[in-house]
C-alpha atoms as a PDB file:
ATOM      1  CA  MET A   1       5.851 207.988 112.825  1.00  0.00           C
ATOM      2  CA  THR A   2       4.418 210.623 110.496  1.00  0.00           C
ATOM      3  CA  THR A   3       1.690 212.885 111.855  1.00  0.00           C
ATOM      4  CA  ILE A   4      -0.769 215.097 110.027  1.00  0.00           C
ATOM      5  CA  ASP A   5      -2.361 218.241 111.439  1.00  0.00           C
ATOM      6  CA  LEU A   6      -6.035 218.102 110.504  1.00  0.00           C
ATOM      7  CA  ASN A   7      -7.167 221.736 110.660  1.00  0.00           C
ATOM      8  CA  CYS A   8     -10.652 223.229 110.322  1.00  0.00           C
ATOM      9  CA  ASP A   9     -12.254 226.695 110.257  1.00  0.00           C
ATOM     10  CA  LEU A  10     -14.829 226.953 113.059  1.00  0.00           C
ATOM     11  CA  GLY A  11     -16.883 229.561 114.892  1.00  0.00           C
ATOM     12  CA  GLU A  12     -18.378 231.069 111.756  1.00  0.00           C
ATOM     13  CA  SER A  13     -21.940 231.354 113.071  1.00  0.00           C
ATOM     14  CA  PHE A  14     -23.283 234.848 113.664  1.00  0.00           C
ATOM     15  CA  GLY A  15     -26.209 235.633 115.948  1.00  0.00           C
ATOM     16  CA  ALA A  16     -29.221 233.601 114.797  1.00  0.00           C
ATOM     17  CA  TYR A  17     -27.370 232.296 111.711  1.00  0.00           C
ATOM     18  CA  LYS A  18     -25.810 228.883 112.405  1.00  0.00           C
ATOM     19  CA  MET A  19     -23.007 227.847 110.073  1.00  0.00           C
ATOM     20  CA  GLY A  20     -21.587 224.338 110.129  1.00  0.00           C
ATOM     21  CA  ASN A  21     -21.576 221.616 112.783  1.00  0.00           C
ATOM     22  CA  ASP A  22     -18.729 222.764 115.018  1.00  0.00           C
ATOM     23  CA  ASP A  23     -19.610 220.459 117.930  1.00  0.00           C
ATOM     24  CA  GLU A  24     -19.635 217.414 115.683  1.00  0.00           C
ATOM     25  CA  ILE A  25     -16.299 218.094 113.944  1.00  0.00           C
ATOM     26  CA  LEU A  26     -14.210 219.043 117.016  1.00  0.00           C
ATOM     27  CA  PRO A  27     -13.393 215.456 118.071  1.00  0.00           C
ATOM     28  CA  PHE A  28     -11.867 214.742 114.652  1.00  0.00           C
ATOM     29  CA  VAL A  29      -9.486 217.700 114.184  1.00  0.00           C
ATOM     30  CA  SER A  30      -6.160 218.461 115.821  1.00  0.00           C
ATOM     31  CA  SER A  31      -6.245 222.250 115.389  1.00  0.00           C
ATOM     32  CA  ILE A  32      -8.796 224.915 114.508  1.00  0.00           C
ATOM     33  CA  ASN A  33      -8.998 228.454 113.161  1.00  0.00           C
ATOM     34  CA  VAL A  34     -11.624 230.462 115.053  1.00  0.00           C
ATOM     35  CA  ALA A  35     -13.421 233.169 113.073  1.00  0.00           C
ATOM     36  CA  CYS A  36     -12.761 236.480 114.831  1.00  0.00           C
ATOM     37  CA  GLY A  37     -15.671 238.643 113.766  1.00  0.00           C
ATOM     38  CA  PHE A  38     -14.467 240.255 110.529  1.00  0.00           C
ATOM     39  CA  HIS A  39     -16.004 237.978 107.894  1.00  0.00           C
ATOM     40  CA  ALA A  40     -17.798 235.624 110.294  1.00  0.00           C
ATOM     41  CA  GLY A  41     -18.354 234.923 113.963  1.00  0.00           C
ATOM     42  CA  ASP A  42     -19.411 237.185 116.806  1.00  0.00           C
ATOM     43  CA  PRO A  43     -18.148 237.595 120.403  1.00  0.00           C
ATOM     44  CA  SER A  44     -20.557 234.999 121.792  1.00  0.00           C
ATOM     45  CA  VAL A  45     -19.694 232.392 119.149  1.00  0.00           C
ATOM     46  CA  MET A  46     -15.956 233.055 119.553  1.00  0.00           C
ATOM     47  CA  ARG A  47     -16.190 232.520 123.320  1.00  0.00           C
ATOM     48  CA  GLN A  48     -18.235 229.312 122.949  1.00  0.00           C
ATOM     49  CA  THR A  49     -15.850 227.907 120.333  1.00  0.00           C
ATOM     50  CA  VAL A  50     -12.744 228.560 122.444  1.00  0.00           C
ATOM     51  CA  GLU A  51     -14.376 227.027 125.534  1.00  0.00           C
ATOM     52  CA  LYS A  52     -15.290 223.862 123.610  1.00  0.00           C
ATOM     53  CA  ALA A  53     -11.861 223.534 121.989  1.00  0.00           C
END
């Protein structure tokens, strides 16, 4: 059986600025890339994203 890794960039919100619908997309992907604070994301968003994943 062939499998496909459906990957998505998540955790790109920053402070009061919400980007995307991370909670809604998580059930449909098999792996994620979590933004680590350079171009997007902040420590709080990173922690929340990892906990939900």
